[in-house]
Amino acid sequence: MARRSDVVLEEILDAIALIEHELVGHTRTSFAASLFLQRGTERSLEIISEAVRHLPDVLLAMRPDIAWNDVRAIGNRIRHEYWRVDPALIWSIVVDDLPALRAAVEDLRRACP
């Protein structure tokens, strides 16, 4: 059974909010030093990745500026190649990509009935 897009989008926003909240005040160095922060962030990215898989392509097409296939792929990389996950890559995703993803998901959420 298909999941409601508005619910899935809220789950993504919740996962993003958790990452943002937990990383307030942290730097790349403090993040790299905390396995707990790394694993929590990785899990939230897995949730985001999996949730995106439950959204219809027609909805995602409304925000072609987001590399949705990359969002889907990061979850697989974290799950299946966990021993190769680089904390610097995760930090880069959080700093460089998450703000735009949040804005896009907020836009899509507003577009959902």
PDB file of N, CA and C in Angstrom:
ATOM      1  N   MET A   1       0.839  -1.182   0.000  1.00  0.00           N
ATOM      2  CA  MET A   1       0.000   0.000   0.000  1.00  0.00           C
ATOM      3  C   MET A   1       0.882   1.242   0.000  1.00  0.00           C
ATOM      4  N   ALA A   2       0.528   2.186  -0.844  1.00  0.00           N
ATOM      5  CA  ALA A   2       1.288   3.430  -0.935  1.00  0.00           C
ATOM      6  C   ALA A   2       1.080   4.269   0.318  1.00  0.00           C
ATOM      7  N   ARG A   3       2.135   4.911   0.716  1.00  0.00           N
ATOM      8  CA  ARG A   3       2.064   5.778   1.892  1.00  0.00           C
ATOM      9  C   ARG A   3       1.696   7.181   1.449  1.00  0.00           C
ATOM     10  N   ARG A   4       1.041   7.908   2.319  1.00  0.00           N
ATOM     11  CA  ARG A   4       0.663   9.285   2.002  1.00  0.00           C
ATOM     12  C   ARG A   4       1.912  10.152   1.926  1.00  0.00           C
ATOM     13  N   SER A   5       2.020  10.909   0.855  1.00  0.00           N
ATOM     14  CA  SER A   5       3.206  11.734   0.631  1.00  0.00           C
ATOM     15  C   SER A   5       3.405  12.770   1.721  1.00  0.00           C
ATOM     16  N   ASP A   6       2.316  13.360   2.211  1.00  0.00           N
ATOM     17  CA  ASP A   6       2.475  14.382   3.249  1.00  0.00           C
ATOM     18  C   ASP A   6       3.087  13.792   4.517  1.00  0.00           C
ATOM     19  N   VAL A   7       2.723  12.570   4.842  1.00  0.00           N
ATOM     20  CA  VAL A   7       3.276  11.898   6.028  1.00  0.00           C
ATOM     21  C   VAL A   7       4.760  11.600   5.816  1.00  0.00           C
ATOM     22  N   VAL A   8       5.099  11.111   4.645  1.00  0.00           N
ATOM     23  CA  VAL A   8       6.495  10.793   4.334  1.00  0.00           C
ATOM     24  C   VAL A   8       7.344  12.061   4.368  1.00  0.00           C
ATOM     25  N   LEU A   9       6.831  13.134   3.805  1.00  0.00           N
ATOM     26  CA  LEU A   9       7.569  14.398   3.816  1.00  0.00           C
ATOM     27  C   LEU A   9       7.794  14.893   5.242  1.00  0.00           C
ATOM     28  N   GLU A  10       6.810  14.722   6.102  1.00  0.00           N
ATOM     29  CA  GLU A  10       6.975  15.100   7.516  1.00  0.00           C
ATOM     30  C   GLU A  10       8.049  14.247   8.181  1.00  0.00           C
ATOM     31  N   GLU A  11       8.105  12.975   7.840  1.00  0.00           N
ATOM     32  CA  GLU A  11       9.148  12.102   8.398  1.00  0.00           C
ATOM     33  C   GLU A  11      10.538  12.575   7.973  1.00  0.00           C
ATOM     34  N   ILE A  12      10.650  12.998   6.731  1.00  0.00           N
ATOM     35  CA  ILE A  12      11.930  13.524   6.245  1.00  0.00           C
ATOM     36  C   ILE A  12      12.290  14.794   7.005  1.00  0.00           C
ATOM     37  N   LEU A  13      11.324  15.686   7.145  1.00  0.00           N
ATOM     38  CA  LEU A  13      11.588  16.929   7.880  1.00  0.00           C
ATOM     39  C   LEU A  13      11.961  16.655   9.328  1.00  0.00           C
ATOM     40  N   ASP A  14      11.327  15.670   9.943  1.00  0.00           N
ATOM     41  CA  ASP A  14      11.676  15.299  11.323  1.00  0.00           C
ATOM     42  C   ASP A  14      13.116  14.799  11.409  1.00  0.00           C
ATOM     43  N   ALA A  15      13.525  13.988  10.455  1.00  0.00           N
ATOM     44  CA  ALA A  15      14.896  13.460  10.460  1.00  0.00           C
ATOM     45  C   ALA A  15      15.911  14.581  10.243  1.00  0.00           C
ATOM     46  N   ILE A  16      15.590  15.506   9.361  1.00  0.00           N
ATOM     47  CA  ILE A  16      16.474  16.652   9.134  1.00  0.00           C
ATOM     48  C   ILE A  16      16.559  17.504  10.393  1.00  0.00           C
ATOM     49  N   ALA A  17      15.416  17.754  11.021  1.00  0.00           N
ATOM     50  CA  ALA A  17      15.401  18.564  12.245  1.00  0.00           C
ATOM     51  C   ALA A  17      16.230  17.915  13.347  1.00  0.00           C
ATOM     52  N   LEU A  18      16.168  16.606  13.458  1.00  0.00           N
ATOM     53  CA  LEU A  18      16.959  15.907  14.468  1.00  0.00           C
ATOM     54  C   LEU A  18      18.453  16.092  14.211  1.00  0.00           C
ATOM     55  N   ILE A  19      18.865  15.930  12.972  1.00  0.00           N
ATOM     56  CA  ILE A  19      20.275  16.140  12.629  1.00  0.00           C
ATOM     57  C   ILE A  19      20.683  17.564  12.984  1.00  0.00           C
ATOM     58  N   GLU A  20      19.896  18.527  12.533  1.00  0.00           N
ATOM     59  CA  GLU A  20      20.243  19.930  12.790  1.00  0.00           C
ATOM     60  C   GLU A  20      20.324  20.212  14.286  1.00  0.00           C
ATOM     61  N   HIS A  21      19.377  19.698  15.042  1.00  0.00           N
ATOM     62  CA  HIS A  21      19.356  19.933  16.488  1.00  0.00           C
ATOM     63  C   HIS A  21      20.581  19.323  17.171  1.00  0.00           C
ATOM     64  N   GLU A  22      20.885  18.099  16.838  1.00  0.00           N
ATOM     65  CA  GLU A  22      21.982  17.396  17.513  1.00  0.00           C
ATOM     66  C   GLU A  22      23.357  17.926  17.134  1.00  0.00           C
ATOM     67  N   LEU A  23      23.468  18.555  15.982  1.00  0.00           N
ATOM     68  CA  LEU A  23      24.778  19.028  15.540  1.00  0.00           C
ATOM     69  C   LEU A  23      25.019  20.506  15.814  1.00  0.00           C
ATOM     70  N   VAL A  24      24.075  21.169  16.458  1.00  0.00           N
ATOM     71  CA  VAL A  24      24.285  22.575  16.824  1.00  0.00           C
ATOM     72  C   VAL A  24      25.543  22.681  17.679  1.00  0.00           C
ATOM     73  N   GLY A  25      26.415  23.600  17.311  1.00  0.00           N
ATOM     74  CA  GLY A  25      27.626  23.834  18.084  1.00  0.00           C
ATOM     75  C   GLY A  25      28.780  22.900  17.764  1.00  0.00           C
ATOM     76  N   HIS A  26      28.541  21.921  16.900  1.00  0.00           N
ATOM     77  CA  HIS A  26      29.613  20.992  16.554  1.00  0.00           C
ATOM     78  C   HIS A  26      30.354  21.471  15.313  1.00  0.00           C
ATOM     79  N   THR A  27      31.582  21.048  15.221  1.00  0.00           N
ATOM     80  CA  THR A  27      32.427  21.322  14.067  1.00  0.00           C
ATOM     81  C   THR A  27      32.745  20.002  13.384  1.00  0.00           C
ATOM     82  N   ARG A  28      33.373  20.108  12.235  1.00  0.00           N
ATOM     83  CA  ARG A  28      33.811  18.898  11.531  1.00  0.00           C
ATOM     84  C   ARG A  28      34.689  18.047  12.455  1.00  0.00           C
ATOM     85  N   THR A  29      35.528  18.708  13.228  1.00  0.00           N
ATOM     86  CA  THR A  29      36.443  17.994  14.128  1.00  0.00           C
ATOM     87  C   THR A  29      35.698  17.299  15.258  1.00  0.00           C
ATOM     88  N   SER A  30      34.772  18.007  15.891  1.00  0.00           N
ATOM     89  CA  SER A  30      34.039  17.382  17.004  1.00  0.00           C
ATOM     90  C   SER A  30      33.117  16.274  16.496  1.00  0.00           C
ATOM     91  N   PHE A  31      32.583  16.450  15.301  1.00  0.00           N
ATOM     92  CA  PHE A  31      31.761  15.403  14.696  1.00  0.00           C
ATOM     93  C   PHE A  31      32.609  14.157  14.431  1.00  0.00           C
ATOM     94  N   ALA A  32      33.787  14.356  13.861  1.00  0.00           N
ATOM     95  CA  ALA A  32      34.669  13.227  13.546  1.00  0.00           C
ATOM     96  C   ALA A  32      35.131  12.501  14.806  1.00  0.00           C
ATOM     97  N   ALA A  33      35.147  13.212  15.927  1.00  0.00           N
ATOM     98  CA  ALA A  33      35.598  12.611  17.185  1.00  0.00           C
ATOM     99  C   ALA A  33      34.492  11.860  17.922  1.00  0.00           C
ATOM    100  N   SER A  34      33.246  11.999  17.467  1.00  0.00           N
ATOM    101  CA  SER A  34      32.120  11.385  18.172  1.00  0.00           C
ATOM    102  C   SER A  34      31.447  10.313  17.321  1.00  0.00           C
ATOM    103  N   LEU A  35      31.755   9.074  17.617  1.00  0.00           N
ATOM    104  CA  LEU A  35      31.118   7.969  16.904  1.00  0.00           C
ATOM    105  C   LEU A  35      29.607   7.986  17.121  1.00  0.00           C
ATOM    106  N   PHE A  36      29.181   8.395  18.297  1.00  0.00           N
ATOM    107  CA  PHE A  36      27.752   8.474  18.607  1.00  0.00           C
ATOM    108  C   PHE A  36      27.047   9.469  17.677  1.00  0.00           C
ATOM    109  N   LEU A  37      27.613  10.663  17.505  1.00  0.00           N
ATOM    110  CA  LEU A  37      27.018  11.645  16.593  1.00  0.00           C
ATOM    111  C   LEU A  37      27.031  11.137  15.153  1.00  0.00           C
ATOM    112  N   GLN A  38      28.124  10.512  14.774  1.00  0.00           N
ATOM    113  CA  GLN A  38      28.212   9.986  13.411  1.00  0.00           C
ATOM    114  C   GLN A  38      27.121   8.961  13.141  1.00  0.00           C
ATOM    115  N   ARG A  39      26.982   8.006  14.047  1.00  0.00           N
ATOM    116  CA  ARG A  39      25.996   6.939  13.842  1.00  0.00           C
ATOM    117  C   ARG A  39      24.571   7.479  13.861  1.00  0.00           C
ATOM    118  N   GLY A  40      24.297   8.412  14.741  1.00  0.00           N
ATOM    119  CA  GLY A  40      22.964   9.010  14.778  1.00  0.00           C
ATOM    120  C   GLY A  40      22.648   9.760  13.499  1.00  0.00           C
ATOM    121  N   THR A  41      23.627  10.481  12.991  1.00  0.00           N
ATOM    122  CA  THR A  41      23.443  11.219  11.743  1.00  0.00           C
ATOM    123  C   THR A  41      23.276  10.254  10.578  1.00  0.00           C
ATOM    124  N   GLU A  42      24.091   9.219  10.563  1.00  0.00           N
ATOM    125  CA  GLU A  42      23.961   8.211   9.506  1.00  0.00           C
ATOM    126  C   GLU A  42      22.571   7.587   9.520  1.00  0.00           C
ATOM    127  N   ARG A  43      22.066   7.260  10.690  1.00  0.00           N
ATOM    128  CA  ARG A  43      20.731   6.648  10.785  1.00  0.00           C
ATOM    129  C   ARG A  43      19.664   7.604  10.273  1.00  0.00           C
ATOM    130  N   SER A  44      19.782   8.867  10.623  1.00  0.00           N
ATOM    131  CA  SER A  44      18.804   9.843  10.131  1.00  0.00           C
ATOM    132  C   SER A  44      18.886   9.977   8.616  1.00  0.00           C
ATOM    133  N   LEU A  45      20.092   9.926   8.058  1.00  0.00           N
ATOM    134  CA  LEU A  45      20.230   9.967   6.601  1.00  0.00           C
ATOM    135  C   LEU A  45      19.648   8.715   5.954  1.00  0.00           C
ATOM    136  N   GLU A  46      19.780   7.571   6.605  1.00  0.00           N
ATOM    137  CA  GLU A  46      19.139   6.346   6.102  1.00  0.00           C
ATOM    138  C   GLU A  46      17.624   6.519   6.053  1.00  0.00           C
ATOM    139  N   ILE A  47      17.062   7.098   7.106  1.00  0.00           N
ATOM    140  CA  ILE A  47      15.612   7.322   7.160  1.00  0.00           C
ATOM    141  C   ILE A  47      15.188   8.248   6.031  1.00  0.00           C
ATOM    142  N   ILE A  48      15.929   9.327   5.836  1.00  0.00           N
ATOM    143  CA  ILE A  48      15.623  10.267   4.753  1.00  0.00           C
ATOM    144  C   ILE A  48      15.684   9.542   3.411  1.00  0.00           C
ATOM    145  N   SER A  49      16.741   8.794   3.202  1.00  0.00           N
ATOM    146  CA  SER A  49      16.927   8.068   1.951  1.00  0.00           C
ATOM    147  C   SER A  49      15.778   7.102   1.681  1.00  0.00           C
ATOM    148  N   GLU A  50      15.422   6.329   2.686  1.00  0.00           N
ATOM    149  CA  GLU A  50      14.338   5.357   2.517  1.00  0.00           C
ATOM    150  C   GLU A  50      13.002   6.059   2.310  1.00  0.00           C
ATOM    151  N   ALA A  51      12.767   7.135   3.025  1.00  0.00           N
ATOM    152  CA  ALA A  51      11.505   7.867   2.884  1.00  0.00           C
ATOM    153  C   ALA A  51      11.351   8.417   1.467  1.00  0.00           C
ATOM    154  N   VAL A  52      12.435   8.924   0.895  1.00  0.00           N
ATOM    155  CA  VAL A  52      12.375   9.457  -0.471  1.00  0.00           C
ATOM    156  C   VAL A  52      11.937   8.375  -1.451  1.00  0.00           C
ATOM    157  N   ARG A  53      12.300   7.145  -1.192  1.00  0.00           N
ATOM    158  CA  ARG A  53      11.893   6.030  -2.057  1.00  0.00           C
ATOM    159  C   ARG A  53      10.368   5.837  -2.064  1.00  0.00           C
ATOM    160  N   HIS A  54       9.693   6.342  -1.055  1.00  0.00           N
ATOM    161  CA  HIS A  54       8.239   6.197  -0.951  1.00  0.00           C
ATOM    162  C   HIS A  54       7.480   7.379  -1.548  1.00  0.00           C
ATOM    163  N   LEU A  55       8.199   8.324  -2.127  1.00  0.00           N
ATOM    164  CA  LEU A  55       7.545   9.481  -2.742  1.00  0.00           C
ATOM    165  C   LEU A  55       7.414   9.259  -4.246  1.00  0.00           C
ATOM    166  N   PRO A  56       6.292   9.658  -4.814  1.00  0.00           N
ATOM    167  CA  PRO A  56       6.103   9.466  -6.256  1.00  0.00           C
ATOM    168  C   PRO A  56       7.035  10.369  -7.068  1.00  0.00           C
ATOM    169  N   ASP A  57       7.493   9.852  -8.192  1.00  0.00           N
ATOM    170  CA  ASP A  57       8.392  10.615  -9.056  1.00  0.00           C
ATOM    171  C   ASP A  57       7.768  11.924  -9.512  1.00  0.00           C
ATOM    172  N   VAL A  58       6.457  11.922  -9.712  1.00  0.00           N
ATOM    173  CA  VAL A  58       5.793  13.145 -10.160  1.00  0.00           C
ATOM    174  C   VAL A  58       5.941  14.252  -9.109  1.00  0.00           C
ATOM    175  N   LEU A  59       5.941  13.897  -7.852  1.00  0.00           N
ATOM    176  CA  LEU A  59       6.139  14.884  -6.786  1.00  0.00           C
ATOM    177  C   LEU A  59       7.591  15.352  -6.765  1.00  0.00           C
ATOM    178  N   LEU A  60       8.522  14.422  -6.837  1.00  0.00           N
ATOM    179  CA  LEU A  60       9.941  14.782  -6.815  1.00  0.00           C
ATOM    180  C   LEU A  60      10.322  15.636  -8.021  1.00  0.00           C
ATOM    181  N   ALA A  61       9.633  15.440  -9.136  1.00  0.00           N
ATOM    182  CA  ALA A  61       9.919  16.216 -10.346  1.00  0.00           C
ATOM    183  C   ALA A  61       9.628  17.699 -10.156  1.00  0.00           C
ATOM    184  N   MET A  62       8.868  18.034  -9.136  1.00  0.00           N
ATOM    185  CA  MET A  62       8.585  19.444  -8.850  1.00  0.00           C
ATOM    186  C   MET A  62       9.834  20.170  -8.346  1.00  0.00           C
ATOM    187  N   ARG A  63      10.828  19.423  -7.908  1.00  0.00           N
ATOM    188  CA  ARG A  63      12.091  20.017  -7.434  1.00  0.00           C
ATOM    189  C   ARG A  63      13.267  19.319  -8.124  1.00  0.00           C
ATOM    190  N   PRO A  64      13.440  19.606  -9.432  1.00  0.00           N
ATOM    191  CA  PRO A  64      14.520  18.949 -10.178  1.00  0.00           C
ATOM    192  C   PRO A  64      15.915  19.406  -9.756  1.00  0.00           C
ATOM    193  N   ASP A  65      15.984  20.445  -8.944  1.00  0.00           N
ATOM    194  CA  ASP A  65      17.277  20.934  -8.469  1.00  0.00           C
ATOM    195  C   ASP A  65      17.908  20.008  -7.432  1.00  0.00           C
ATOM    196  N   ILE A  66      17.129  19.088  -6.885  1.00  0.00           N
ATOM    197  CA  ILE A  66      17.635  18.135  -5.899  1.00  0.00           C
ATOM    198  C   ILE A  66      17.990  16.826  -6.611  1.00  0.00           C
ATOM    199  N   ALA A  67      19.145  16.296  -6.308  1.00  0.00           N
ATOM    200  CA  ALA A  67      19.595  15.023  -6.900  1.00  0.00           C
ATOM    201  C   ALA A  67      18.952  13.873  -6.122  1.00  0.00           C
ATOM    202  N   TRP A  68      17.681  13.607  -6.411  1.00  0.00           N
ATOM    203  CA  TRP A  68      16.916  12.614  -5.660  1.00  0.00           C
ATOM    204  C   TRP A  68      17.545  11.229  -5.723  1.00  0.00           C
ATOM    205  N   ASN A  69      18.136  10.882  -6.861  1.00  0.00           N
ATOM    206  CA  ASN A  69      18.791   9.571  -6.949  1.00  0.00           C
ATOM    207  C   ASN A  69      19.971   9.480  -5.986  1.00  0.00           C
ATOM    208  N   ASP A  70      20.670  10.590  -5.793  1.00  0.00           N
ATOM    209  CA  ASP A  70      21.769  10.606  -4.821  1.00  0.00           C
ATOM    210  C   ASP A  70      21.241  10.480  -3.397  1.00  0.00           C
ATOM    211  N   VAL A  71      20.100  11.108  -3.131  1.00  0.00           N
ATOM    212  CA  VAL A  71      19.490  10.998  -1.800  1.00  0.00           C
ATOM    213  C   VAL A  71      19.119   9.538  -1.542  1.00  0.00           C
ATOM    214  N   ARG A  72      18.538   8.901  -2.541  1.00  0.00           N
ATOM    215  CA  ARG A  72      18.197   7.477  -2.401  1.00  0.00           C
ATOM    216  C   ARG A  72      19.455   6.628  -2.197  1.00  0.00           C
ATOM    217  N   ALA A  73      20.493   6.944  -2.937  1.00  0.00           N
ATOM    218  CA  ALA A  73      21.710   6.122  -2.945  1.00  0.00           C
ATOM    219  C   ALA A  73      22.495   6.201  -1.639  1.00  0.00           C
ATOM    220  N   ILE A  74      22.475   7.335  -0.965  1.00  0.00           N
ATOM    221  CA  ILE A  74      23.297   7.457   0.243  1.00  0.00           C
ATOM    222  C   ILE A  74      22.863   6.458   1.307  1.00  0.00           C
ATOM    223  N   GLY A  75      21.593   6.179   1.381  1.00  0.00           N
ATOM    224  CA  GLY A  75      21.123   5.193   2.357  1.00  0.00           C
ATOM    225  C   GLY A  75      21.699   3.818   2.088  1.00  0.00           C
ATOM    226  N   ASN A  76      21.725   3.429   0.817  1.00  0.00           N
ATOM    227  CA  ASN A  76      22.313   2.130   0.462  1.00  0.00           C
ATOM    228  C   ASN A  76      23.796   2.095   0.790  1.00  0.00           C
ATOM    229  N   ARG A  77      24.459   3.190   0.520  1.00  0.00           N
ATOM    230  CA  ARG A  77      25.898   3.231   0.810  1.00  0.00           C
ATOM    231  C   ARG A  77      26.147   3.093   2.311  1.00  0.00           C
ATOM    232  N   ILE A  78      25.373   3.799   3.111  1.00  0.00           N
ATOM    233  CA  ILE A  78      25.545   3.725   4.567  1.00  0.00           C
ATOM    234  C   ILE A  78      25.222   2.318   5.072  1.00  0.00           C
ATOM    235  N   ARG A  79      24.137   1.737   4.567  1.00  0.00           N
ATOM    236  CA  ARG A  79      23.720   0.405   5.027  1.00  0.00           C
ATOM    237  C   ARG A  79      24.658  -0.706   4.578  1.00  0.00           C
ATOM    238  N   HIS A  80      25.033  -0.674   3.307  1.00  0.00           N
ATOM    239  CA  HIS A  80      25.733  -1.814   2.729  1.00  0.00           C
ATOM    240  C   HIS A  80      27.251  -1.664   2.676  1.00  0.00           C
ATOM    241  N   GLU A  81      27.731  -0.454   2.837  1.00  0.00           N
ATOM    242  CA  GLU A  81      29.181  -0.220   2.857  1.00  0.00           C
ATOM    243  C   GLU A  81      29.548   0.568   4.110  1.00  0.00           C
ATOM    244  N   TYR A  82      28.936   0.187   5.212  1.00  0.00           N
ATOM    245  CA  TYR A  82      29.080   0.921   6.474  1.00  0.00           C
ATOM    246  C   TYR A  82      30.531   1.065   6.912  1.00  0.00           C
ATOM    247  N   TRP A  83      31.363   0.118   6.576  1.00  0.00           N
ATOM    248  CA  TRP A  83      32.764   0.164   7.001  1.00  0.00           C
ATOM    249  C   TRP A  83      33.562   1.210   6.226  1.00  0.00           C
ATOM    250  N   ARG A  84      32.985   1.698   5.116  1.00  0.00           N
ATOM    251  CA  ARG A  84      33.670   2.694   4.296  1.00  0.00           C
ATOM    252  C   ARG A  84      33.099   4.094   4.453  1.00  0.00           C
ATOM    253  N   VAL A  85      32.114   4.255   5.299  1.00  0.00           N
ATOM    254  CA  VAL A  85      31.489   5.572   5.442  1.00  0.00           C
ATOM    255  C   VAL A  85      32.499   6.523   6.076  1.00  0.00           C
ATOM    256  N   ASP A  86      32.755   7.605   5.387  1.00  0.00           N
ATOM    257  CA  ASP A  86      33.731   8.597   5.826  1.00  0.00           C
ATOM    258  C   ASP A  86      33.004   9.706   6.588  1.00  0.00           C
ATOM    259  N   PRO A  87      33.391   9.962   7.828  1.00  0.00           N
ATOM    260  CA  PRO A  87      32.743  11.044   8.591  1.00  0.00           C
ATOM    261  C   PRO A  87      32.804  12.386   7.868  1.00  0.00           C
ATOM    262  N   ALA A  88      33.861  12.624   7.108  1.00  0.00           N
ATOM    263  CA  ALA A  88      33.967  13.882   6.365  1.00  0.00           C
ATOM    264  C   ALA A  88      32.880  13.974   5.292  1.00  0.00           C
ATOM    265  N   LEU A  89      32.554  12.850   4.664  1.00  0.00           N
ATOM    266  CA  LEU A  89      31.476  12.837   3.670  1.00  0.00           C
ATOM    267  C   LEU A  89      30.133  13.125   4.336  1.00  0.00           C
ATOM    268  N   ILE A  90      29.881  12.482   5.461  1.00  0.00           N
ATOM    269  CA  ILE A  90      28.614  12.706   6.166  1.00  0.00           C
ATOM    270  C   ILE A  90      28.511  14.164   6.589  1.00  0.00           C
ATOM    271  N   TRP A  91      29.587  14.714   7.131  1.00  0.00           N
ATOM    272  CA  TRP A  91      29.588  16.123   7.543  1.00  0.00           C
ATOM    273  C   TRP A  91      29.320  17.023   6.335  1.00  0.00           C
ATOM    274  N   SER A  92      29.946  16.722   5.223  1.00  0.00           N
ATOM    275  CA  SER A  92      29.752  17.503   4.003  1.00  0.00           C
ATOM    276  C   SER A  92      28.295  17.464   3.544  1.00  0.00           C
ATOM    277  N   ILE A  93      27.676  16.314   3.607  1.00  0.00           N
ATOM    278  CA  ILE A  93      26.260  16.205   3.241  1.00  0.00           C
ATOM    279  C   ILE A  93      25.417  17.087   4.150  1.00  0.00           C
ATOM    280  N   VAL A  94      25.697  17.030   5.439  1.00  0.00           N
ATOM    281  CA  VAL A  94      24.923  17.815   6.410  1.00  0.00           C
ATOM    282  C   VAL A  94      25.086  19.307   6.146  1.00  0.00           C
ATOM    283  N   VAL A  95      26.310  19.743   5.938  1.00  0.00           N
ATOM    284  CA  VAL A  95      26.589  21.172   5.785  1.00  0.00           C
ATOM    285  C   VAL A  95      26.209  21.683   4.394  1.00  0.00           C
ATOM    286  N   ASP A  96      26.553  20.919   3.368  1.00  0.00           N
ATOM    287  CA  ASP A  96      26.392  21.398   1.993  1.00  0.00           C
ATOM    288  C   ASP A  96      25.055  21.054   1.349  1.00  0.00           C
ATOM    289  N   ASP A  97      24.461  19.930   1.711  1.00  0.00           N
ATOM    290  CA  ASP A  97      23.278  19.453   0.996  1.00  0.00           C
ATOM    291  C   ASP A  97      21.979  19.500   1.795  1.00  0.00           C
ATOM    292  N   LEU A  98      22.079  19.338   3.093  1.00  0.00           N
ATOM    293  CA  LEU A  98      20.860  19.236   3.904  1.00  0.00           C
ATOM    294  C   LEU A  98      20.004  20.505   3.891  1.00  0.00           C
ATOM    295  N   PRO A  99      20.598  21.712   3.927  1.00  0.00           N
ATOM    296  CA  PRO A  99      19.738  22.907   3.897  1.00  0.00           C
ATOM    297  C   PRO A  99      18.870  22.986   2.634  1.00  0.00           C
ATOM    298  N   ALA A 100      19.454  22.686   1.483  1.00  0.00           N
ATOM    299  CA  ALA A 100      18.679  22.714   0.236  1.00  0.00           C
ATOM    300  C   ALA A 100      17.630  21.612   0.222  1.00  0.00           C
ATOM    301  N   LEU A 101      17.979  20.450   0.753  1.00  0.00           N
ATOM    302  CA  LEU A 101      17.007  19.359   0.822  1.00  0.00           C
ATOM    303  C   LEU A 101      15.842  19.749   1.722  1.00  0.00           C
ATOM    304  N   ARG A 102      16.146  20.351   2.873  1.00  0.00           N
ATOM    305  CA  ARG A 102      15.076  20.791   3.777  1.00  0.00           C
ATOM    306  C   ARG A 102      14.143  21.767   3.061  1.00  0.00           C
ATOM    307  N   ALA A 103      14.714  22.761   2.373  1.00  0.00           N
ATOM    308  CA  ALA A 103      13.898  23.751   1.662  1.00  0.00           C
ATOM    309  C   ALA A 103      13.027  23.082   0.597  1.00  0.00           C
ATOM    310  N   ALA A 104      13.588  22.131  -0.129  1.00  0.00           N
ATOM    311  CA  ALA A 104      12.827  21.434  -1.169  1.00  0.00           C
ATOM    312  C   ALA A 104      11.693  20.622  -0.564  1.00  0.00           C
ATOM    313  N   VAL A 105      11.974  19.910   0.514  1.00  0.00           N
ATOM    314  CA  VAL A 105      10.941  19.085   1.153  1.00  0.00           C
ATOM    315  C   VAL A 105       9.851  19.974   1.743  1.00  0.00           C
ATOM    316  N   GLU A 106      10.222  21.111   2.291  1.00  0.00           N
ATOM    317  CA  GLU A 106       9.208  22.052   2.793  1.00  0.00           C
ATOM    318  C   GLU A 106       8.316  22.531   1.655  1.00  0.00           C
ATOM    319  N   ASP A 107       8.913  22.828   0.496  1.00  0.00           N
ATOM    320  CA  ASP A 107       8.121  23.233  -0.677  1.00  0.00           C
ATOM    321  C   ASP A 107       7.173  22.118  -1.110  1.00  0.00           C
ATOM    322  N   LEU A 108       7.678  20.901  -1.164  1.00  0.00           N
ATOM    323  CA  LEU A 108       6.835  19.773  -1.562  1.00  0.00           C
ATOM    324  C   LEU A 108       5.722  19.547  -0.552  1.00  0.00           C
ATOM    325  N   ARG A 109       6.030  19.730   0.710  1.00  0.00           N
ATOM    326  CA  ARG A 109       5.014  19.553   1.764  1.00  0.00           C
ATOM    327  C   ARG A 109       3.887  20.561   1.586  1.00  0.00           C
ATOM    328  N   ARG A 110       4.243  21.790   1.268  1.00  0.00           N
ATOM    329  CA  ARG A 110       3.209  22.819   1.038  1.00  0.00           C
ATOM    330  C   ARG A 110       2.361  22.489  -0.187  1.00  0.00           C
ATOM    331  N   ALA A 111       2.938  21.776  -1.143  1.00  0.00           N
ATOM    332  CA  ALA A 111       2.217  21.424  -2.371  1.00  0.00           C
ATOM    333  C   ALA A 111       1.278  20.235  -2.181  1.00  0.00           C
ATOM    334  N   CYS A 112       1.467  19.488  -1.100  1.00  0.00           N
ATOM    335  CA  CYS A 112       0.615  18.318  -0.836  1.00  0.00           C
ATOM    336  C   CYS A 112      -0.693  18.755  -0.191  1.00  0.00           C
ATOM    337  N   PRO A 113      -1.783  18.088  -0.579  1.00  0.00           N
ATOM    338  CA  PRO A 113      -3.074  18.436   0.044  1.00  0.00           C
ATOM    339  C   PRO A 113      -3.139  18.000   1.494  1.00  0.00           C
TER     340      PRO A 113
END
